[in-house]
C-alpha atoms as a PDB file:
ATOM      1  CA  MET A   1     -14.458   2.456 -17.989  1.00  0.00           C
ATOM      2  CA  ALA A   2     -14.368  -0.892 -19.335  1.00  0.00           C
ATOM      3  CA  ARG A   3     -17.865  -2.510 -19.955  1.00  0.00           C
ATOM      4  CA  ARG A   4     -18.877  -5.411 -17.638  1.00  0.00           C
ATOM      5  CA  GLY A   5     -20.087  -9.050 -18.598  1.00  0.00           C
ATOM      6  CA  ARG A   6     -22.517 -11.233 -16.933  1.00  0.00           C
ATOM      7  CA  THR A   7     -19.464 -12.293 -14.827  1.00  0.00           C
ATOM      8  CA  GLY A   8     -18.667  -8.900 -13.344  1.00  0.00           C
ATOM      9  CA  THR A   9     -15.418  -8.995 -15.325  1.00  0.00           C
ATOM     10  CA  PRO A  10     -14.305  -6.566 -18.115  1.00  0.00           C
ATOM     11  CA  ARG A  11     -15.426  -7.961 -21.810  1.00  0.00           C
ATOM     12  CA  ARG A  12     -12.021  -9.217 -23.148  1.00  0.00           C
ATOM     13  CA  GLN A  13     -12.791  -7.482 -26.330  1.00  0.00           C
ATOM     14  CA  GLY A  14     -12.592  -4.126 -24.630  1.00  0.00           C
ATOM     15  CA  LEU A  15      -8.934  -4.749 -23.616  1.00  0.00           C
ATOM     16  CA  GLN A  16      -5.945  -4.059 -25.911  1.00  0.00           C
ATOM     17  CA  PRO A  17      -3.490  -6.906 -25.769  1.00  0.00           C
ATOM     18  CA  LEU A  18      -0.582  -6.408 -23.205  1.00  0.00           C
ATOM     19  CA  ARG A  19       2.399  -5.036 -24.616  1.00  0.00           C
ATOM     20  CA  ARG A  20       4.706  -8.012 -23.403  1.00  0.00           C
ATOM     21  CA  ARG A  21       3.507 -11.421 -23.389  1.00  0.00           C
ATOM     22  CA  PRO A  22       3.846 -12.428 -19.575  1.00  0.00           C
ATOM     23  CA  LYS A  23       4.861 -16.091 -18.737  1.00  0.00           C
ATOM     24  CA  GLN A  24       2.095 -18.194 -17.923  1.00  0.00           C
ATOM     25  CA  LEU A  25       2.570 -19.825 -14.464  1.00  0.00           C
ATOM     26  CA  THR A  26       2.248 -23.661 -14.380  1.00  0.00           C
ATOM     27  CA  ASP A  27       1.653 -23.655 -10.671  1.00  0.00           C
ATOM     28  CA  GLU A  28      -0.627 -21.675  -8.427  1.00  0.00           C
ATOM     29  CA  PRO A  29       1.203 -18.628  -7.127  1.00  0.00           C
ATOM     30  CA  GLY A  30       2.150 -19.092  -3.222  1.00  0.00           C
ATOM     31  CA  LEU A  31       0.851 -16.749  -0.688  1.00  0.00           C
ATOM     32  CA  TYR A  32       3.198 -16.346   2.323  1.00  0.00           C
ATOM     33  CA  GLU A  33       3.038 -14.317   5.823  1.00  0.00           C
ATOM     34  CA  PRO A  34       5.823 -13.507   8.160  1.00  0.00           C
ATOM     35  CA  SER A  35       6.739 -15.785  10.891  1.00  0.00           C
ATOM     36  CA  ARG A  36       8.808 -14.712  13.879  1.00  0.00           C
ATOM     37  CA  GLY A  37       9.623 -18.361  14.723  1.00  0.00           C
ATOM     38  CA  ALA A  38      10.520 -19.353  11.494  1.00  0.00           C
ATOM     39  CA  GLY A  39      12.571 -16.614  10.572  1.00  0.00           C
ATOM     40  CA  GLY A  40      11.344 -15.917   7.207  1.00  0.00           C
ATOM     41  CA  LEU A  41       8.140 -15.991   5.101  1.00  0.00           C
ATOM     42  CA  VAL A  42       6.371 -19.171   5.644  1.00  0.00           C
ATOM     43  CA  LEU A  43       3.871 -20.425   2.860  1.00  0.00           C
ATOM     44  CA  VAL A  44       0.044 -20.219   3.959  1.00  0.00           C
ATOM     45  CA  SER A  45      -1.392 -22.575   1.351  1.00  0.00           C
ATOM     46  CA  GLY A  46      -0.268 -24.090  -2.006  1.00  0.00           C
ATOM     47  CA  GLY A  47       2.229 -22.483  -4.512  1.00  0.00           C
ATOM     48  CA  PRO A  48       5.401 -23.316  -6.416  1.00  0.00           C
ATOM     49  CA  ARG A  49       8.791 -24.439  -5.169  1.00  0.00           C
ATOM     50  CA  ARG A  50      11.027 -21.490  -5.040  1.00  0.00           C
ATOM     51  CA  ARG A  51      14.813 -21.133  -4.571  1.00  0.00           C
ATOM     52  CA  SER A  52      15.528 -17.912  -2.901  1.00  0.00           C
ATOM     53  CA  GLY A  53      18.903 -16.248  -3.433  1.00  0.00           C
ATOM     54  CA  GLY A  54      20.625 -12.918  -4.035  1.00  0.00           C
ATOM     55  CA  ARG A  55      20.768  -9.653  -2.056  1.00  0.00           C
ATOM     56  CA  GLY A  56      17.755  -8.679  -0.101  1.00  0.00           C
ATOM     57  CA  GLY A  57      15.854  -5.377  -0.615  1.00  0.00           C
ATOM     58  CA  GLY A  58      18.028  -3.310   1.754  1.00  0.00           C
ATOM     59  CA  GLY A  59      19.856  -6.106   3.932  1.00  0.00           C
ATOM     60  CA  THR A  60      23.648  -6.691   3.621  1.00  0.00           C
ATOM     61  CA  THR A  61      23.837 -10.438   3.400  1.00  0.00           C
ATOM     62  CA  SER A  62      22.466 -12.859   0.901  1.00  0.00           C
ATOM     63  CA  ALA A  63      19.583 -15.135   1.705  1.00  0.00           C
ATOM     64  CA  THR A  64      20.216 -18.433   0.023  1.00  0.00           C
ATOM     65  CA  THR A  65      18.510 -21.525   0.524  1.00  0.00           C
ATOM     66  CA  ASP A  66      17.861 -24.941  -1.034  1.00  0.00           C
ATOM     67  CA  GLU A  67      14.654 -25.683   1.068  1.00  0.00           C
ATOM     68  CA  PRO A  68      11.242 -26.219  -1.096  1.00  0.00           C
ATOM     69  CA  ALA A  69       9.291 -22.944  -1.048  1.00  0.00           C
ATOM     70  CA  GLU A  70       7.631 -23.530   2.523  1.00  0.00           C
ATOM     71  CA  VAL A  71      10.171 -20.932   4.106  1.00  0.00           C
ATOM     72  CA  ILE A  72      11.540 -17.885   2.483  1.00  0.00           C
ATOM     73  CA  PRO A  73      14.362 -16.679   4.671  1.00  0.00           C
ATOM     74  CA  LEU A  74      14.313 -13.135   5.217  1.00  0.00           C
ATOM     75  CA  ALA A  75      17.850 -11.234   4.772  1.00  0.00           C
ATOM     76  CA  GLU A  76      19.738 -10.337   7.898  1.00  0.00           C
ATOM     77  CA  LEU A  77      19.080  -6.760   8.977  1.00  0.00           C
ATOM     78  CA  THR A  78      21.255  -4.793  11.179  1.00  0.00           C
ATOM     79  CA  ASP A  79      19.964  -0.887  11.973  1.00  0.00           C
ATOM     80  CA  THR A  80      23.700   0.401  11.132  1.00  0.00           C
ATOM     81  CA  THR A  81      23.473  -0.299   7.528  1.00  0.00           C
ATOM     82  CA  ASP A  82      24.015   2.790   5.514  1.00  0.00           C
ATOM     83  CA  ALA A  83      21.283   1.394   3.310  1.00  0.00           C
ATOM     84  CA  ASP A  84      18.895   1.006   5.886  1.00  0.00           C
ATOM     85  CA  ALA A  85      19.383   4.699   7.639  1.00  0.00           C
ATOM     86  CA  ARG A  86      18.878   6.458   4.179  1.00  0.00           C
ATOM     87  CA  THR A  87      15.635   4.413   3.746  1.00  0.00           C
ATOM     88  CA  ARG A  88      14.640   5.813   7.185  1.00  0.00           C
ATOM     89  CA  ARG A  89      15.507   8.994   6.049  1.00  0.00           C
ATOM     90  CA  ARG A  90      13.581   9.043   3.247  1.00  0.00           C
ATOM     91  CA  ALA A  91      10.544   7.979   4.904  1.00  0.00           C
ATOM     92  CA  GLU A  92      11.096  10.955   6.982  1.00  0.00           C
ATOM     93  CA  LEU A  93      11.387  13.221   4.314  1.00  0.00           C
ATOM     94  CA  ILE A  94       8.507  11.879   2.583  1.00  0.00           C
ATOM     95  CA  ALA A  95       6.344  12.027   5.786  1.00  0.00           C
ATOM     96  CA  GLN A  96       7.068  15.625   6.336  1.00  0.00           C
ATOM     97  CA  ARG A  97       5.846  16.820   3.034  1.00  0.00           C
ATOM     98  CA  LEU A  98       2.758  14.438   3.017  1.00  0.00           C
ATOM     99  CA  SER A  99      -0.589  15.713   3.573  1.00  0.00           C
ATOM    100  CA  VAL A 100      -3.217  12.971   3.340  1.00  0.00           C
ATOM    101  CA  PRO A 101      -6.529  14.505   4.514  1.00  0.00           C
ATOM    102  CA  ARG A 102      -8.898  12.694   6.843  1.00  0.00           C
ATOM    103  CA  PRO A 103     -12.015  11.009   5.179  1.00  0.00           C
ATOM    104  CA  PRO A 104     -15.154  13.081   5.724  1.00  0.00           C
ATOM    105  CA  ARG A 105     -17.187  12.790   8.934  1.00  0.00           C
ATOM    106  CA  ASP A 106     -20.000  10.206   8.514  1.00  0.00           C
ATOM    107  CA  ARG A 107     -23.011  12.053   9.393  1.00  0.00           C
ATOM    108  CA  ARG A 108     -24.811   8.596   9.566  1.00  0.00           C
ATOM    109  CA  ALA A 109     -22.759   7.549  12.376  1.00  0.00           C
ATOM    110  CA  ARG A 110     -24.152   6.935  15.725  1.00  0.00           C
ATOM    111  CA  ARG A 111     -23.452   9.474  18.415  1.00  0.00           C
ATOM    112  CA  GLY A 112     -21.054   8.175  21.155  1.00  0.00           C
ATOM    113  CA  THR A 113     -19.279   5.536  18.799  1.00  0.00           C
ATOM    114  CA  GLY A 114     -16.126   5.268  17.239  1.00  0.00           C
ATOM    115  CA  ASP A 115     -12.734   7.062  17.671  1.00  0.00           C
ATOM    116  CA  LEU A 116     -12.772  10.250  19.721  1.00  0.00           C
ATOM    117  CA  VAL A 117     -11.501  13.322  17.747  1.00  0.00           C
ATOM    118  CA  SER A 118     -11.070  17.025  17.888  1.00  0.00           C
ATOM    119  CA  VAL A 119     -12.792  18.792  14.782  1.00  0.00           C
ATOM    120  CA  ALA A 120     -14.102  22.144  14.156  1.00  0.00           C
ATOM    121  CA  TRP A 121     -17.741  22.834  15.644  1.00  0.00           C
ATOM    122  CA  THR A 122     -20.557  22.423  13.273  1.00  0.00           C
ATOM    123  CA  GLY A 123     -23.598  22.346  15.966  1.00  0.00           C
ATOM    124  CA  ALA A 124     -23.387  18.919  16.176  1.00  0.00           C
ATOM    125  CA  SER A 125     -21.663  18.089  19.763  1.00  0.00           C
ATOM    126  CA  ASP A 126     -21.602  20.350  22.920  1.00  0.00           C
ATOM    127  CA  GLU A 127     -18.081  18.712  24.138  1.00  0.00           C
ATOM    128  CA  LEU A 128     -15.867  21.521  24.032  1.00  0.00           C
ATOM    129  CA  ASP A 129     -11.896  20.926  23.537  1.00  0.00           C
ATOM    130  CA  LEU A 130     -10.882  23.871  25.521  1.00  0.00           C
ATOM    131  CA  GLU A 131      -6.771  23.839  24.969  1.00  0.00           C
ATOM    132  CA  ARG A 132      -7.279  23.693  21.110  1.00  0.00           C
ATOM    133  CA  THR A 133     -10.261  26.014  21.064  1.00  0.00           C
ATOM    134  CA  VAL A 134      -7.988  28.582  23.353  1.00  0.00           C
ATOM    135  CA  GLU A 135      -5.068  28.048  20.595  1.00  0.00           C
ATOM    136  CA  SER A 136      -7.798  28.519  17.524  1.00  0.00           C
ATOM    137  CA  ILE A 137      -9.106  31.798  19.115  1.00  0.00           C
ATOM    138  CA  ALA A 138      -6.203  33.468  20.423  1.00  0.00           C
ATOM    139  CA  GLY A 139      -5.769  36.839  18.988  1.00  0.00           C
ATOM    140  CA  THR A 140      -9.162  36.503  17.343  1.00  0.00           C
ATOM    141  CA  PRO A 141     -11.232  39.342  18.595  1.00  0.00           C
ATOM    142  CA  PHE A 142     -14.718  37.994  16.732  1.00  0.00           C
ATOM    143  CA  PRO A 143     -14.439  34.302  16.758  1.00  0.00           C
ATOM    144  CA  GLU A 144     -16.757  32.109  14.364  1.00  0.00           C
ATOM    145  CA  GLY A 145     -18.298  29.124  15.174  1.00  0.00           C
ATOM    146  CA  SER A 146     -15.884  27.048  13.133  1.00  0.00           C
ATOM    147  CA  ASP A 147     -12.986  28.653  15.440  1.00  0.00           C
ATOM    148  CA  PHE A 148     -14.570  26.674  18.357  1.00  0.00           C
ATOM    149  CA  VAL A 149     -13.067  22.851  18.516  1.00  0.00           C
ATOM    150  CA  VAL A 150     -14.967  20.139  20.086  1.00  0.00           C
ATOM    151  CA  ARG A 151     -14.700  16.523  20.700  1.00  0.00           C
ATOM    152  CA  GLU A 152     -16.726  13.986  18.520  1.00  0.00           C
ATOM    153  CA  ARG A 153     -16.765  10.069  18.170  1.00  0.00           C
ATOM    154  CA  LEU A 154     -16.512   9.174  14.476  1.00  0.00           C
ATOM    155  CA  ARG A 155     -16.756   5.820  13.025  1.00  0.00           C
ATOM    156  CA  ARG A 156     -15.820   6.365   9.788  1.00  0.00           C
ATOM    157  CA  ARG A 157     -12.403   4.962   8.931  1.00  0.00           C
ATOM    158  CA  ARG A 158     -10.365   4.102   5.410  1.00  0.00           C
ATOM    159  CA  SER A 159      -9.230   0.480   4.714  1.00  0.00           C
ATOM    160  CA  VAL A 160      -6.330   0.814   2.378  1.00  0.00           C
ATOM    161  CA  VAL A 161      -4.052  -1.776   1.193  1.00  0.00           C
ATOM    162  CA  LEU A 162      -0.489  -0.925   0.085  1.00  0.00           C
ATOM    163  CA  VAL A 163       0.760  -3.499  -2.840  1.00  0.00           C
ATOM    164  CA  VAL A 164       4.586  -3.251  -3.100  1.00  0.00           C
ATOM    165  CA  ASP A 165       6.466  -4.918  -6.011  1.00  0.00           C
ATOM    166  CA  VAL A 166       9.516  -6.502  -4.614  1.00  0.00           C
ATOM    167  CA  SER A 167      10.403  -8.923  -7.857  1.00  0.00           C
ATOM    168  CA  GLY A 168      13.900  -8.580  -9.311  1.00  0.00           C
ATOM    169  CA  SER A 169      13.359  -5.423 -11.361  1.00  0.00           C
ATOM    170  CA  MET A 170      12.799  -3.516  -8.198  1.00  0.00           C
ATOM    171  CA  ARG A 171      15.821  -4.398  -6.230  1.00  0.00           C
ATOM    172  CA  GLY A 172      18.201  -1.553  -4.838  1.00  0.00           C
ATOM    173  CA  GLU A 173      17.431   2.067  -4.761  1.00  0.00           C
ATOM    174  CA  ARG A 174      13.699   1.236  -6.250  1.00  0.00           C
ATOM    175  CA  VAL A 175      12.691  -1.109  -3.322  1.00  0.00           C
ATOM    176  CA  ARG A 176      14.359   1.344  -0.661  1.00  0.00           C
ATOM    177  CA  THR A 177      11.985   4.277  -1.912  1.00  0.00           C
ATOM    178  CA  ALA A 178       8.862   1.861  -1.933  1.00  0.00           C
ATOM    179  CA  ALA A 179       9.909   0.726   1.619  1.00  0.00           C
ATOM    180  CA  ALA A 180      10.054   4.658   2.518  1.00  0.00           C
ATOM    181  CA  THR A 181       6.809   5.563   1.049  1.00  0.00           C
ATOM    182  CA  VAL A 182       5.111   2.412   3.101  1.00  0.00           C
ATOM    183  CA  GLY A 183       6.637   3.465   6.122  1.00  0.00           C
ATOM    184  CA  ALA A 184       5.572   7.196   5.558  1.00  0.00           C
ATOM    185  CA  LEU A 185       2.161   6.315   4.834  1.00  0.00           C
ATOM    186  CA  ALA A 186       1.883   3.863   7.613  1.00  0.00           C
ATOM    187  CA  GLY A 187       2.598   6.702  10.007  1.00  0.00           C
ATOM    188  CA  GLU A 188       0.077   8.974   8.381  1.00  0.00           C
ATOM    189  CA  LEU A 189      -2.646   6.578   8.309  1.00  0.00           C
ATOM    190  CA  VAL A 190      -2.538   5.504  11.628  1.00  0.00           C
ATOM    191  CA  ARG A 191      -6.276   5.934  12.581  1.00  0.00           C
ATOM    192  CA  ASP A 192      -7.189   3.941   9.476  1.00  0.00           C
ATOM    193  CA  ARG A 193      -7.146   0.190   8.629  1.00  0.00           C
ATOM    194  CA  LEU A 194      -3.982  -0.462   6.780  1.00  0.00           C
ATOM    195  CA  ALA A 195      -2.553  -3.797   5.375  1.00  0.00           C
ATOM    196  CA  VAL A 196       0.712  -4.481   3.196  1.00  0.00           C
ATOM    197  CA  VAL A 197       1.179  -7.093   0.408  1.00  0.00           C
ATOM    198  CA  ALA A 198       4.379  -7.593  -1.015  1.00  0.00           C
ATOM    199  CA  PHE A 199       4.696  -9.496  -4.422  1.00  0.00           C
ATOM    200  CA  TRP A 200       7.085 -10.878  -6.884  1.00  0.00           C
ATOM    201  CA  SER A 201       5.629 -14.039  -8.876  1.00  0.00           C
ATOM    202  CA  ALA A 202       3.975 -15.150  -5.586  1.00  0.00           C
ATOM    203  CA  ALA A 203       3.027 -12.719  -2.746  1.00  0.00           C
ATOM    204  CA  ALA A 204       3.233 -12.121   0.980  1.00  0.00           C
ATOM    205  CA  VAL A 205       0.747 -10.600   3.556  1.00  0.00           C
ATOM    206  CA  LEU A 206       3.188  -8.586   5.732  1.00  0.00           C
ATOM    207  CA  SER A 207       0.405  -7.068   7.716  1.00  0.00           C
ATOM    208  CA  GLU A 208      -3.306  -7.835   7.809  1.00  0.00           C
ATOM    209  CA  LEU A 209      -5.938  -5.182   7.417  1.00  0.00           C
ATOM    210  CA  GLY A 210      -6.502  -3.407  10.720  1.00  0.00           C
ATOM    211  CA  GLU A 211      -3.346  -5.249  12.478  1.00  0.00           C
ATOM    212  CA  THR A 212      -1.700  -2.822  14.183  1.00  0.00           C
ATOM    213  CA  VAL A 213       2.096  -2.642  13.265  1.00  0.00           C
ATOM    214  CA  GLU A 214       4.807   0.008  13.722  1.00  0.00           C
ATOM    215  CA  PRO A 215       5.863   1.935  10.548  1.00  0.00           C
ATOM    216  CA  ARG A 216       9.353   1.117  11.057  1.00  0.00           C
ATOM    217  CA  THR A 217       8.690  -2.508  11.707  1.00  0.00           C
ATOM    218  CA  LEU A 218       6.825  -2.346   8.170  1.00  0.00           C
ATOM    219  CA  LEU A 219       9.599  -0.709   6.606  1.00  0.00           C
ATOM    220  CA  ASP A 220      12.501  -2.910   7.993  1.00  0.00           C
ATOM    221  CA  LEU A 221      10.318  -6.132   6.921  1.00  0.00           C
ATOM    222  CA  LEU A 222       9.747  -4.919   3.274  1.00  0.00           C
ATOM    223  CA  LEU A 223      13.681  -4.398   3.394  1.00  0.00           C
ATOM    224  CA  ARG A 224      14.377  -8.060   4.359  1.00  0.00           C
ATOM    225  CA  VAL A 225      12.282  -9.521   1.753  1.00  0.00           C
ATOM    226  CA  PRO A 226      14.634 -10.648  -1.071  1.00  0.00           C
ATOM    227  CA  THR A 227      13.987  -8.925  -4.028  1.00  0.00           C
ATOM    228  CA  GLU A 228      13.937 -11.226  -7.086  1.00  0.00           C
ATOM    229  CA  GLY A 229      11.810 -13.182  -9.592  1.00  0.00           C
ATOM    230  CA  LEU A 230       8.865 -11.999 -11.632  1.00  0.00           C
ATOM    231  CA  THR A 231       5.882  -9.663 -11.905  1.00  0.00           C
ATOM    232  CA  ASN A 232       2.734 -11.202 -10.994  1.00  0.00           C
ATOM    233  CA  VAL A 233       0.837  -7.739 -10.636  1.00  0.00           C
ATOM    234  CA  GLY A 234      -2.478  -9.612 -11.040  1.00  0.00           C
ATOM    235  CA  PHE A 235      -2.281 -12.001  -7.994  1.00  0.00           C
ATOM    236  CA  ALA A 236      -1.045  -9.386  -5.835  1.00  0.00           C
ATOM    237  CA  LEU A 237      -4.338  -7.404  -6.858  1.00  0.00           C
ATOM    238  CA  GLU A 238      -6.240 -10.808  -6.056  1.00  0.00           C
ATOM    239  CA  VAL A 239      -4.746 -10.715  -2.574  1.00  0.00           C
ATOM    240  CA  ALA A 240      -5.388  -7.386  -1.843  1.00  0.00           C
ATOM    241  CA  GLY A 241      -9.058  -7.596  -2.892  1.00  0.00           C
ATOM    242  CA  LYS A 242      -9.632 -10.239  -0.251  1.00  0.00           C
ATOM    243  CA  GLN A 243      -8.093  -7.960   2.387  1.00  0.00           C
ATOM    244  CA  LEU A 244     -10.611  -5.584   1.507  1.00  0.00           C
ATOM    245  CA  SER A 245     -13.587  -8.456   1.689  1.00  0.00           C
ATOM    246  CA  GLY A 246     -16.490  -6.883   3.862  1.00  0.00           C
ATOM    247  CA  MET A 247     -15.173  -3.663   4.022  1.00  0.00           C
ATOM    248  CA  PRO A 248     -17.606  -0.472   2.809  1.00  0.00           C
ATOM    249  CA  PRO A 249     -16.478   0.007  -0.785  1.00  0.00           C
ATOM    250  CA  ARG A 250     -16.603   3.908  -0.526  1.00  0.00           C
ATOM    251  CA  ASP A 251     -13.665   3.900   2.273  1.00  0.00           C
ATOM    252  CA  SER A 252     -11.753   1.222   0.489  1.00  0.00           C
ATOM    253  CA  ARG A 253      -9.012   1.587  -1.820  1.00  0.00           C
ATOM    254  CA  VAL A 254      -5.409  -0.205  -2.710  1.00  0.00           C
ATOM    255  CA  LEU A 255      -2.232   1.454  -3.758  1.00  0.00           C
ATOM    256  CA  LEU A 256       0.125  -0.106  -6.082  1.00  0.00           C
ATOM    257  CA  LEU A 257       3.971   0.823  -5.744  1.00  0.00           C
ATOM    258  CA  SER A 258       5.823  -0.963  -8.967  1.00  0.00           C
ATOM    259  CA  ASP A 259       7.374  -0.466 -12.135  1.00  0.00           C
ATOM    260  CA  CYS A 260       4.222  -2.260 -13.740  1.00  0.00           C
ATOM    261  CA  VAL A 261       6.444  -4.680 -15.368  1.00  0.00           C
ATOM    262  CA  HIS A 262       3.887  -7.275 -15.448  1.00  0.00           C
ATOM    263  CA  ASN A 263       5.686 -10.386 -16.952  1.00  0.00           C
ATOM    264  CA  ALA A 264       3.865 -13.563 -15.055  1.00  0.00           C
ATOM    265  CA  GLY A 265       0.598 -14.615 -14.454  1.00  0.00           C
ATOM    266  CA  PRO A 266      -3.127 -13.420 -16.146  1.00  0.00           C
ATOM    267  CA  ASP A 267      -3.763  -9.998 -17.317  1.00  0.00           C
ATOM    268  CA  PRO A 268      -3.894  -7.731 -14.418  1.00  0.00           C
ATOM    269  CA  ARG A 269      -6.260  -5.409 -15.551  1.00  0.00           C
ATOM    270  CA  ILE A 270      -9.053  -7.993 -14.639  1.00  0.00           C
ATOM    271  CA  ALA A 271      -8.454  -8.100 -10.875  1.00  0.00           C
ATOM    272  CA  ALA A 272      -7.872  -4.304 -11.185  1.00  0.00           C
ATOM    273  CA  HIS A 273     -11.589  -3.728 -12.319  1.00  0.00           C
ATOM    274  CA  ARG A 274     -12.852  -5.816  -9.348  1.00  0.00           C
ATOM    275  CA  LEU A 275     -11.307  -3.694  -6.707  1.00  0.00           C
ATOM    276  CA  PRO A 276     -13.273  -0.648  -5.230  1.00  0.00           C
ATOM    277  CA  ARG A 277     -10.505   1.649  -6.191  1.00  0.00           C
ATOM    278  CA  LEU A 278      -6.963   1.238  -7.312  1.00  0.00           C
ATOM    279  CA  ASP A 279      -4.297   3.668  -7.675  1.00  0.00           C
ATOM    280  CA  VAL A 280      -0.706   3.312  -8.987  1.00  0.00           C
ATOM    281  CA  LEU A 281       2.616   4.807  -8.308  1.00  0.00           C
ATOM    282  CA  VAL A 282       4.889   3.993 -11.249  1.00  0.00           C
ATOM    283  CA  ASP A 283       8.510   3.985 -10.524  1.00  0.00           C
ATOM    284  CA  THR A 284      10.183   5.372 -13.650  1.00  0.00           C
ATOM    285  CA  SER A 285      13.838   5.251 -12.466  1.00  0.00           C
ATOM    286  CA  GLY A 286      14.466   2.163 -14.608  1.00  0.00           C
ATOM    287  CA  GLU A 287      12.747  -0.328 -16.844  1.00  0.00           C
ATOM    288  CA  ASN A 288       8.713   0.508 -16.403  1.00  0.00           C
ATOM    289  CA  ASP A 289       5.355   0.070 -18.101  1.00  0.00           C
ATOM    290  CA  VAL A 290       3.923   3.514 -17.571  1.00  0.00           C
ATOM    291  CA  GLU A 291       0.851   2.422 -19.763  1.00  0.00           C
ATOM    292  CA  ILE A 292       0.237  -0.543 -18.068  1.00  0.00           C
ATOM    293  CA  GLY A 293       0.059   1.644 -15.166  1.00  0.00           C
ATOM    294  CA  ARG A 294      -2.683   3.753 -16.500  1.00  0.00           C
ATOM    295  CA  ASP A 295      -4.810   0.973 -17.742  1.00  0.00           C
ATOM    296  CA  LEU A 296      -4.619  -0.603 -14.321  1.00  0.00           C
ATOM    297  CA  ALA A 297      -5.567   3.057 -12.681  1.00  0.00           C
ATOM    298  CA  ARG A 298      -8.489   3.433 -15.055  1.00  0.00           C
ATOM    299  CA  ALA A 299      -9.908  -0.087 -14.558  1.00  0.00           C
ATOM    300  CA  GLY A 300      -9.628   0.709 -10.919  1.00  0.00           C
ATOM    301  CA  ARG A 301     -11.224   4.092 -11.027  1.00  0.00           C
ATOM    302  CA  GLY A 302      -8.191   5.587  -9.504  1.00  0.00           C
ATOM    303  CA  GLN A 303      -5.313   7.382 -10.472  1.00  0.00           C
ATOM    304  CA  CYS A 304      -1.775   6.720 -12.305  1.00  0.00           C
ATOM    305  CA  ARG A 305       1.377   9.093 -10.798  1.00  0.00           C
ATOM    306  CA  PRO A 306       4.524   8.314 -12.163  1.00  0.00           C
ATOM    307  CA  VAL A 307       7.463   8.838  -9.674  1.00  0.00           C
ATOM    308  CA  ARG A 308      11.218   8.967 -10.386  1.00  0.00           C
ATOM    309  CA  ASP A 309      12.827   8.915  -6.922  1.00  0.00           C
ATOM    310  CA  HIS A 310      11.588   9.705  -3.408  1.00  0.00           C
ATOM    311  CA  ARG A 311      11.357  13.522  -4.050  1.00  0.00           C
ATOM    312  CA  ASP A 312       8.592  12.537  -5.939  1.00  0.00           C
ATOM    313  CA  VAL A 313       6.390  10.521  -3.725  1.00  0.00           C
ATOM    314  CA  ALA A 314       4.776  13.152  -1.130  1.00  0.00           C
ATOM    315  CA  SER A 315       3.270  15.226  -3.841  1.00  0.00           C
ATOM    316  CA  ALA A 316       1.896  12.198  -5.864  1.00  0.00           C
ATOM    317  CA  LEU A 317       0.384  10.402  -2.912  1.00  0.00           C
ATOM    318  CA  THR A 318      -1.142  13.799  -1.511  1.00  0.00           C
ATOM    319  CA  ALA A 319      -2.853  14.305  -4.911  1.00  0.00           C
ATOM    320  CA  ILE A 320      -4.032  10.705  -5.004  1.00  0.00           C
ATOM    321  CA  PHE A 321      -5.749  11.040  -1.386  1.00  0.00           C
ATOM    322  CA  THR A 322      -7.300  14.216  -2.007  1.00  0.00           C
ATOM    323  CA  ASP A 323      -8.996  12.870  -4.899  1.00  0.00           C
END
């Protein structure tokens, strides 16, 4: 783990130089959010001017504008396109194989608060879940205490920020795999606080932490963001850190989905070190920088898992969330 200086950031002399020299941006990166009224991503504050062109991540029409960066139009999306149907199918396949354990029960939680859930009896509750208990002990002549299911209210929830690379190097099949991963995880983490940040040289908060958004809506929105531009990993991680501000560090984490070809902005390992935990899925199906991915995960006290396509995603995510 990198040593901390007085400012709380890793000492620069403890970091090896980046293998590729990223472009230093002359303007502050823009931060965007979706706007149904504007039909695109609307600039929240500051940021460079940006021309949006080319094909979107999963849309079938180009999204081109001569407007300044206040609005980035989203690509047209139809539910019948083959690309979108394949992406949703990938999300279903990932979800079928995905096994994300629930966070441990919070023994310090006050009884009677939080979500009401069914759990194995440990002597702490007397509200029997009769239907689940009957299913559990059916065919068991001598049931044990843990075979009985009770209802308890638990307060503890994870806070997870998914940071998704939509830069030019992630277009096509790579961004569809990333979108499918977000769709599958959003369904699996339905009881947790979830935020989604898409990024290129700038970033867009597609859903705020704790905001209720349907998994399919998140998947579709990611497919509509034009995939182009440079890759500013550091700024995206800073945005993710702000989403987690005020959340308990023990239940907070960031998951980066990227090829990790960082080519714009400051060294992202500085931002990674400030996060409570950072895990990285590195898409290795094309150009990539696994070494930077490993450095980021190491700085963020998490795991780095290379994935070639959607078939590798479920096992990688299960390993990350089991840790």
